[in-house]
Amino acid sequence: MAWINLTEGDVLDNLNAAEVETYREKIRDDQTDPLATILADTEQDVRDYVRGQVTSMPASGIPSGAKNQAIDIAIWRLCKRVQTGTENQRKGAYDEAIKKLEKIAKGDLQVEDPSGASGDTGSSWGSRPLITKPPKKDAEQ
């Protein structure tokens, strides 16, 4: 699978109706909607976590296998920014997303090849699933 870019729809589809309504009410007509900046910042943060595994970083996007973590991070940031009242409820999902990204950064979880190609791409992914635990090494190796 190819890498993806987060969209406003990705975030709004994962908010409940009350959160979306509160979010929309809190943004004044003369105010810039913070969601675009939040999405860009979240994508960059996810890219920073996976950078150590990617030999050729694409110009934009994140691994589709990290999409849910990115959405959880963006939602928490949005709720915190516009103070929807649900930021504390969303904090646990944010924390879990960061933990998973930290595992990716350490190499405990692997991300997909940015090209989406299967087979030998010259990278360490080949045709493996999106995010997997690497095989355990024998103590004698």
N, C-alpha and C. Protein backbone atom coordinates (compact mmCIF):
# COMPACT_ATOMS: atom_id res chain seq x y z
N MET A 1 0.84 -1.19 0.00
CA MET A 1 0.00 0.00 0.00
C MET A 1 0.88 1.24 0.00
N ALA A 2 0.42 2.24 -0.66
CA ALA A 2 1.15 3.50 -0.73
C ALA A 2 0.93 4.31 0.54
N TRP A 3 1.76 5.28 0.71
CA TRP A 3 1.59 6.19 1.83
C TRP A 3 0.40 7.11 1.54
N ILE A 4 -0.13 7.71 2.59
CA ILE A 4 -1.33 8.54 2.46
C ILE A 4 -1.09 9.91 3.08
N ASN A 5 -1.93 10.85 2.75
CA ASN A 5 -1.96 12.15 3.40
C ASN A 5 -3.23 12.20 4.24
N LEU A 6 -3.13 12.73 5.44
CA LEU A 6 -4.31 12.90 6.28
C LEU A 6 -5.20 13.98 5.69
N THR A 7 -6.50 13.78 5.83
CA THR A 7 -7.46 14.76 5.34
C THR A 7 -8.36 15.21 6.48
N GLU A 8 -9.02 16.32 6.24
CA GLU A 8 -10.01 16.80 7.21
C GLU A 8 -11.07 15.73 7.43
N GLY A 9 -11.47 15.06 6.36
CA GLY A 9 -12.47 14.00 6.45
C GLY A 9 -12.03 12.86 7.36
N ASP A 10 -10.73 12.51 7.32
CA ASP A 10 -10.23 11.46 8.20
C ASP A 10 -10.50 11.80 9.66
N VAL A 11 -10.27 13.06 10.01
CA VAL A 11 -10.47 13.49 11.40
C VAL A 11 -11.95 13.61 11.72
N LEU A 12 -12.70 14.30 10.88
CA LEU A 12 -14.12 14.53 11.17
C LEU A 12 -14.90 13.23 11.22
N ASP A 13 -14.51 12.25 10.39
CA ASP A 13 -15.19 10.95 10.41
C ASP A 13 -14.97 10.19 11.71
N ASN A 14 -13.94 10.58 12.45
CA ASN A 14 -13.62 9.89 13.70
C ASN A 14 -14.03 10.68 14.95
N LEU A 15 -14.66 11.82 14.75
CA LEU A 15 -15.23 12.57 15.86
C LEU A 15 -16.70 12.24 15.98
N ASN A 16 -17.25 12.34 17.19
CA ASN A 16 -18.69 12.14 17.30
C ASN A 16 -19.40 13.44 16.92
N ALA A 17 -20.70 13.37 16.71
CA ALA A 17 -21.46 14.52 16.22
C ALA A 17 -21.35 15.72 17.15
N ALA A 18 -21.36 15.48 18.45
CA ALA A 18 -21.26 16.58 19.41
C ALA A 18 -19.91 17.27 19.31
N GLU A 19 -18.84 16.49 19.12
CA GLU A 19 -17.50 17.08 18.98
C GLU A 19 -17.40 17.92 17.72
N VAL A 20 -17.93 17.42 16.61
CA VAL A 20 -17.88 18.17 15.36
C VAL A 20 -18.66 19.47 15.52
N GLU A 21 -19.84 19.39 16.11
CA GLU A 21 -20.66 20.59 16.30
C GLU A 21 -19.94 21.61 17.19
N THR A 22 -19.37 21.15 18.29
CA THR A 22 -18.65 22.05 19.18
C THR A 22 -17.45 22.66 18.48
N TYR A 23 -16.72 21.84 17.75
CA TYR A 23 -15.54 22.30 17.00
C TYR A 23 -15.96 23.41 16.03
N ARG A 24 -17.01 23.18 15.25
CA ARG A 24 -17.46 24.16 14.27
C ARG A 24 -17.95 25.45 14.94
N GLU A 25 -18.62 25.31 16.08
CA GLU A 25 -19.12 26.49 16.80
C GLU A 25 -17.98 27.34 17.37
N LYS A 26 -16.89 26.72 17.75
CA LYS A 26 -15.80 27.43 18.39
C LYS A 26 -14.92 28.19 17.41
N ILE A 27 -15.00 27.85 16.13
CA ILE A 27 -14.19 28.54 15.12
C ILE A 27 -15.01 29.71 14.59
N ARG A 28 -14.53 30.92 14.84
CA ARG A 28 -15.22 32.12 14.37
C ARG A 28 -15.05 32.26 12.85
N ASP A 29 -15.96 32.98 12.24
CA ASP A 29 -15.90 33.19 10.79
C ASP A 29 -14.62 33.88 10.36
N ASP A 30 -14.09 34.77 11.19
CA ASP A 30 -12.88 35.51 10.82
C ASP A 30 -11.60 34.81 11.28
N GLN A 31 -11.74 33.62 11.84
CA GLN A 31 -10.59 32.88 12.37
C GLN A 31 -10.18 31.78 11.38
N THR A 32 -8.90 31.57 11.25
CA THR A 32 -8.40 30.48 10.41
C THR A 32 -8.68 29.16 11.12
N ASP A 33 -9.23 28.22 10.37
CA ASP A 33 -9.51 26.89 10.92
C ASP A 33 -8.17 26.22 11.25
N PRO A 34 -7.98 25.78 12.50
CA PRO A 34 -6.68 25.20 12.89
C PRO A 34 -6.44 23.79 12.37
N LEU A 35 -7.46 23.13 11.82
CA LEU A 35 -7.32 21.73 11.45
C LEU A 35 -6.25 21.50 10.38
N ALA A 36 -6.15 22.36 9.39
CA ALA A 36 -5.13 22.17 8.34
C ALA A 36 -3.73 22.18 8.92
N THR A 37 -3.46 23.10 9.83
CA THR A 37 -2.14 23.17 10.47
C THR A 37 -1.91 21.95 11.35
N ILE A 38 -2.93 21.54 12.07
CA ILE A 38 -2.82 20.36 12.93
C ILE A 38 -2.50 19.13 12.09
N LEU A 39 -3.16 18.98 10.95
CA LEU A 39 -2.90 17.83 10.07
C LEU A 39 -1.47 17.85 9.55
N ALA A 40 -1.00 19.00 9.11
CA ALA A 40 0.37 19.11 8.60
C ALA A 40 1.39 18.81 9.69
N ASP A 41 1.17 19.35 10.88
CA ASP A 41 2.09 19.10 12.00
C ASP A 41 2.08 17.63 12.39
N THR A 42 0.92 17.02 12.41
CA THR A 42 0.81 15.60 12.78
C THR A 42 1.51 14.73 11.75
N GLU A 43 1.30 15.01 10.47
CA GLU A 43 2.00 14.24 9.44
C GLU A 43 3.51 14.36 9.60
N GLN A 44 4.00 15.56 9.85
CA GLN A 44 5.44 15.74 10.01
C GLN A 44 5.95 14.97 11.23
N ASP A 45 5.21 14.99 12.32
CA ASP A 45 5.63 14.25 13.51
C ASP A 45 5.69 12.75 13.24
N VAL A 46 4.68 12.21 12.54
CA VAL A 46 4.69 10.78 12.21
C VAL A 46 5.88 10.47 11.29
N ARG A 47 6.14 11.32 10.32
CA ARG A 47 7.28 11.13 9.43
C ARG A 47 8.59 11.11 10.22
N ASP A 48 8.69 11.95 11.25
CA ASP A 48 9.90 11.97 12.07
C ASP A 48 10.08 10.64 12.81
N TYR A 49 8.97 10.03 13.25
CA TYR A 49 9.07 8.73 13.93
C TYR A 49 9.52 7.62 12.99
N VAL A 50 9.06 7.64 11.74
CA VAL A 50 9.38 6.54 10.82
C VAL A 50 10.65 6.77 10.01
N ARG A 51 11.22 7.95 10.10
CA ARG A 51 12.37 8.33 9.29
C ARG A 51 13.52 7.31 9.37
N GLY A 52 13.77 6.72 10.52
CA GLY A 52 14.87 5.78 10.67
C GLY A 52 14.70 4.49 9.88
N GLN A 53 13.48 4.17 9.49
CA GLN A 53 13.23 2.94 8.76
C GLN A 53 13.15 3.15 7.25
N VAL A 54 13.05 4.37 6.81
CA VAL A 54 12.79 4.66 5.41
C VAL A 54 14.07 5.14 4.73
N THR A 55 14.53 4.36 3.76
CA THR A 55 15.77 4.73 3.08
C THR A 55 15.55 5.87 2.09
N SER A 56 14.36 5.98 1.55
CA SER A 56 14.04 7.05 0.61
C SER A 56 12.68 7.63 0.97
N MET A 57 12.70 8.70 1.78
CA MET A 57 11.46 9.30 2.26
C MET A 57 10.74 10.01 1.12
N PRO A 58 9.46 9.68 0.89
CA PRO A 58 8.71 10.39 -0.14
C PRO A 58 8.53 11.86 0.26
N ALA A 59 8.15 12.68 -0.70
CA ALA A 59 8.02 14.12 -0.46
C ALA A 59 6.94 14.45 0.56
N SER A 60 5.92 13.61 0.66
CA SER A 60 4.85 13.87 1.61
C SER A 60 4.20 12.55 2.01
N GLY A 61 3.35 12.63 2.99
CA GLY A 61 2.57 11.47 3.40
C GLY A 61 3.17 10.70 4.55
N ILE A 62 2.37 9.74 5.01
CA ILE A 62 2.75 8.85 6.12
C ILE A 62 2.38 7.43 5.73
N PRO A 63 2.97 6.43 6.39
CA PRO A 63 2.57 5.05 6.10
C PRO A 63 1.09 4.86 6.43
N SER A 64 0.37 4.21 5.53
CA SER A 64 -1.06 4.00 5.79
C SER A 64 -1.27 3.17 7.05
N GLY A 65 -0.27 2.37 7.42
CA GLY A 65 -0.36 1.59 8.65
C GLY A 65 -0.29 2.42 9.92
N ALA A 66 0.11 3.68 9.80
CA ALA A 66 0.17 4.59 10.96
C ALA A 66 -0.97 5.61 10.91
N LYS A 67 -1.91 5.42 10.00
CA LYS A 67 -3.01 6.38 9.83
C LYS A 67 -3.84 6.52 11.10
N ASN A 68 -4.22 5.42 11.72
CA ASN A 68 -5.06 5.52 12.92
C ASN A 68 -4.35 6.26 14.04
N GLN A 69 -3.06 6.03 14.19
CA GLN A 69 -2.31 6.74 15.22
C GLN A 69 -2.28 8.23 14.91
N ALA A 70 -2.06 8.57 13.64
CA ALA A 70 -2.04 9.98 13.24
C ALA A 70 -3.39 10.64 13.49
N ILE A 71 -4.46 9.93 13.19
CA ILE A 71 -5.80 10.49 13.43
C ILE A 71 -6.02 10.73 14.91
N ASP A 72 -5.63 9.77 15.75
CA ASP A 72 -5.80 9.96 17.21
C ASP A 72 -5.01 11.16 17.71
N ILE A 73 -3.82 11.35 17.19
CA ILE A 73 -3.00 12.49 17.58
C ILE A 73 -3.65 13.79 17.11
N ALA A 74 -4.08 13.83 15.86
CA ALA A 74 -4.71 15.04 15.31
C ALA A 74 -6.00 15.38 16.05
N ILE A 75 -6.80 14.39 16.38
CA ILE A 75 -8.05 14.64 17.11
C ILE A 75 -7.76 15.23 18.48
N TRP A 76 -6.82 14.65 19.20
CA TRP A 76 -6.51 15.18 20.53
C TRP A 76 -6.02 16.62 20.41
N ARG A 77 -5.15 16.87 19.45
CA ARG A 77 -4.63 18.24 19.27
C ARG A 77 -5.75 19.21 18.92
N LEU A 78 -6.68 18.77 18.07
CA LEU A 78 -7.81 19.63 17.70
C LEU A 78 -8.70 19.91 18.91
N CYS A 79 -9.04 18.86 19.64
CA CYS A 79 -9.90 19.03 20.82
C CYS A 79 -9.24 19.93 21.85
N LYS A 80 -7.95 19.76 22.03
CA LYS A 80 -7.21 20.60 22.97
C LYS A 80 -7.16 22.05 22.48
N ARG A 81 -6.93 22.22 21.19
CA ARG A 81 -6.79 23.57 20.61
C ARG A 81 -8.07 24.38 20.70
N VAL A 82 -9.20 23.75 20.32
CA VAL A 82 -10.46 24.49 20.31
C VAL A 82 -11.27 24.25 21.58
N GLN A 83 -10.72 23.49 22.50
CA GLN A 83 -11.34 23.22 23.80
C GLN A 83 -12.79 22.75 23.65
N THR A 84 -12.93 21.59 23.03
CA THR A 84 -14.26 21.02 22.83
C THR A 84 -14.82 20.40 24.10
N GLY A 85 -13.98 20.24 25.11
CA GLY A 85 -14.41 19.59 26.34
C GLY A 85 -14.16 18.10 26.33
N THR A 86 -13.66 17.56 25.23
CA THR A 86 -13.41 16.11 25.15
C THR A 86 -11.92 15.80 25.09
N GLU A 87 -11.08 16.82 25.27
CA GLU A 87 -9.64 16.58 25.17
C GLU A 87 -9.15 15.57 26.20
N ASN A 88 -9.70 15.58 27.41
CA ASN A 88 -9.29 14.60 28.42
C ASN A 88 -9.73 13.19 28.05
N GLN A 89 -10.89 13.07 27.45
CA GLN A 89 -11.38 11.75 27.00
C GLN A 89 -10.54 11.21 25.86
N ARG A 90 -9.98 12.08 25.05
CA ARG A 90 -9.19 11.68 23.89
C ARG A 90 -7.71 11.48 24.21
N LYS A 91 -7.28 11.87 25.40
CA LYS A 91 -5.86 11.81 25.77
C LYS A 91 -5.32 10.39 25.78
N GLY A 92 -6.10 9.42 26.23
CA GLY A 92 -5.65 8.03 26.27
C GLY A 92 -5.31 7.50 24.88
N ALA A 93 -6.15 7.81 23.90
CA ALA A 93 -5.88 7.38 22.52
C ALA A 93 -4.62 8.06 21.98
N TYR A 94 -4.44 9.32 22.33
CA TYR A 94 -3.23 10.05 21.94
C TYR A 94 -2.00 9.37 22.53
N ASP A 95 -2.05 9.07 23.83
CA ASP A 95 -0.91 8.42 24.49
C ASP A 95 -0.57 7.08 23.86
N GLU A 96 -1.59 6.29 23.55
CA GLU A 96 -1.37 4.98 22.90
C GLU A 96 -0.78 5.16 21.50
N ALA A 97 -1.23 6.17 20.79
CA ALA A 97 -0.68 6.43 19.45
C ALA A 97 0.80 6.78 19.54
N ILE A 98 1.16 7.61 20.50
CA ILE A 98 2.57 7.99 20.67
C ILE A 98 3.40 6.76 21.03
N LYS A 99 2.88 5.89 21.90
CA LYS A 99 3.61 4.68 22.28
C LYS A 99 3.89 3.81 21.05
N LYS A 100 2.90 3.68 20.18
CA LYS A 100 3.09 2.86 18.98
C LYS A 100 4.12 3.50 18.05
N LEU A 101 4.06 4.81 17.90
CA LEU A 101 5.04 5.50 17.06
C LEU A 101 6.44 5.40 17.65
N GLU A 102 6.55 5.41 18.96
CA GLU A 102 7.86 5.23 19.60
C GLU A 102 8.41 3.84 19.30
N LYS A 103 7.54 2.83 19.26
CA LYS A 103 7.98 1.48 18.90
C LYS A 103 8.46 1.45 17.45
N ILE A 104 7.78 2.18 16.60
CA ILE A 104 8.22 2.27 15.20
C ILE A 104 9.59 2.93 15.14
N ALA A 105 9.75 4.01 15.88
CA ALA A 105 11.03 4.74 15.87
C ALA A 105 12.18 3.86 16.35
N LYS A 106 11.92 2.99 17.34
CA LYS A 106 12.95 2.10 17.87
C LYS A 106 13.17 0.88 16.98
N GLY A 107 12.29 0.66 16.01
CA GLY A 107 12.42 -0.50 15.14
C GLY A 107 11.71 -1.73 15.65
N ASP A 108 10.95 -1.60 16.74
CA ASP A 108 10.19 -2.74 17.27
C ASP A 108 9.01 -3.08 16.37
N LEU A 109 8.51 -2.12 15.63
CA LEU A 109 7.45 -2.32 14.64
C LEU A 109 7.97 -1.77 13.31
N GLN A 110 7.63 -2.45 12.24
CA GLN A 110 8.09 -2.04 10.91
C GLN A 110 6.96 -1.34 10.16
N VAL A 111 7.31 -0.38 9.32
CA VAL A 111 6.33 0.28 8.46
C VAL A 111 6.51 -0.19 7.03
N GLU A 112 5.51 0.08 6.23
CA GLU A 112 5.52 -0.36 4.84
C GLU A 112 6.47 0.45 3.97
N ASP A 113 6.81 -0.13 2.87
CA ASP A 113 7.64 0.52 1.86
C ASP A 113 6.87 1.72 1.31
N PRO A 114 7.48 2.89 1.27
CA PRO A 114 6.78 4.07 0.75
C PRO A 114 6.31 3.94 -0.69
N SER A 115 6.99 3.12 -1.48
CA SER A 115 6.60 2.97 -2.89
C SER A 115 5.36 2.11 -3.04
N GLY A 116 5.04 1.32 -2.02
CA GLY A 116 3.90 0.42 -2.11
C GLY A 116 4.17 -0.80 -2.96
N ALA A 117 5.39 -0.94 -3.41
CA ALA A 117 5.75 -2.07 -4.27
C ALA A 117 5.85 -3.35 -3.46
N SER A 118 5.57 -4.46 -4.11
CA SER A 118 5.76 -5.74 -3.45
C SER A 118 7.04 -6.37 -4.00
N GLY A 119 7.53 -7.34 -3.30
CA GLY A 119 8.77 -7.98 -3.75
C GLY A 119 9.96 -7.19 -3.25
N ASP A 120 11.15 -7.50 -3.82
CA ASP A 120 12.38 -6.86 -3.38
C ASP A 120 12.46 -5.45 -3.95
N THR A 121 12.40 -4.47 -3.06
CA THR A 121 12.44 -3.07 -3.49
C THR A 121 13.76 -2.44 -3.13
N GLY A 122 14.67 -3.24 -2.59
CA GLY A 122 15.93 -2.67 -2.14
C GLY A 122 15.82 -2.10 -0.74
N SER A 123 14.67 -2.24 -0.15
CA SER A 123 14.48 -1.77 1.22
C SER A 123 14.31 -2.99 2.11
N SER A 124 14.05 -2.75 3.36
CA SER A 124 13.91 -3.87 4.30
C SER A 124 12.48 -4.38 4.39
N TRP A 125 11.56 -3.87 3.57
CA TRP A 125 10.16 -4.25 3.72
C TRP A 125 9.74 -5.41 2.84
N GLY A 126 10.08 -5.41 1.57
CA GLY A 126 9.58 -6.44 0.68
C GLY A 126 8.08 -6.39 0.61
N SER A 127 7.41 -7.54 0.77
CA SER A 127 5.95 -7.57 0.68
C SER A 127 5.33 -7.87 2.04
N ARG A 128 5.99 -7.46 3.11
CA ARG A 128 5.45 -7.68 4.44
C ARG A 128 4.19 -6.86 4.67
N PRO A 129 3.37 -7.27 5.65
CA PRO A 129 2.19 -6.48 6.01
C PRO A 129 2.59 -5.08 6.47
N LEU A 130 1.60 -4.21 6.64
CA LEU A 130 1.84 -2.82 6.97
C LEU A 130 2.72 -2.61 8.19
N ILE A 131 2.26 -3.01 9.35
CA ILE A 131 3.05 -2.84 10.56
C ILE A 131 3.10 -4.20 11.25
N THR A 132 4.30 -4.70 11.44
CA THR A 132 4.47 -6.01 12.07
C THR A 132 5.60 -5.93 13.07
N LYS A 133 5.60 -6.88 13.99
CA LYS A 133 6.74 -6.99 14.89
C LYS A 133 7.84 -7.71 14.15
N PRO A 134 9.08 -7.25 14.30
CA PRO A 134 10.17 -7.96 13.63
C PRO A 134 10.38 -9.31 14.28
N PRO A 135 10.96 -10.27 13.55
CA PRO A 135 11.20 -11.58 14.15
C PRO A 135 12.20 -11.46 15.29
N LYS A 136 12.02 -12.31 16.29
CA LYS A 136 12.96 -12.31 17.42
C LYS A 136 14.26 -12.96 16.99
N LYS A 137 15.37 -12.41 17.43
CA LYS A 137 16.67 -12.93 17.10
C LYS A 137 17.06 -13.99 18.12
N ASP A 138 17.70 -15.05 17.63
CA ASP A 138 18.19 -16.07 18.52
C ASP A 138 19.31 -15.50 19.36
N ALA A 139 19.46 -15.97 20.57
CA ALA A 139 20.52 -15.47 21.47
C ALA A 139 21.90 -15.76 20.93
N GLU A 140 22.06 -16.80 20.07
CA GLU A 140 23.37 -17.21 19.57
C GLU A 140 23.81 -16.39 18.36
N GLN A 141 22.95 -15.60 17.77
CA GLN A 141 23.33 -14.86 16.56
C GLN A 141 24.16 -13.67 16.86
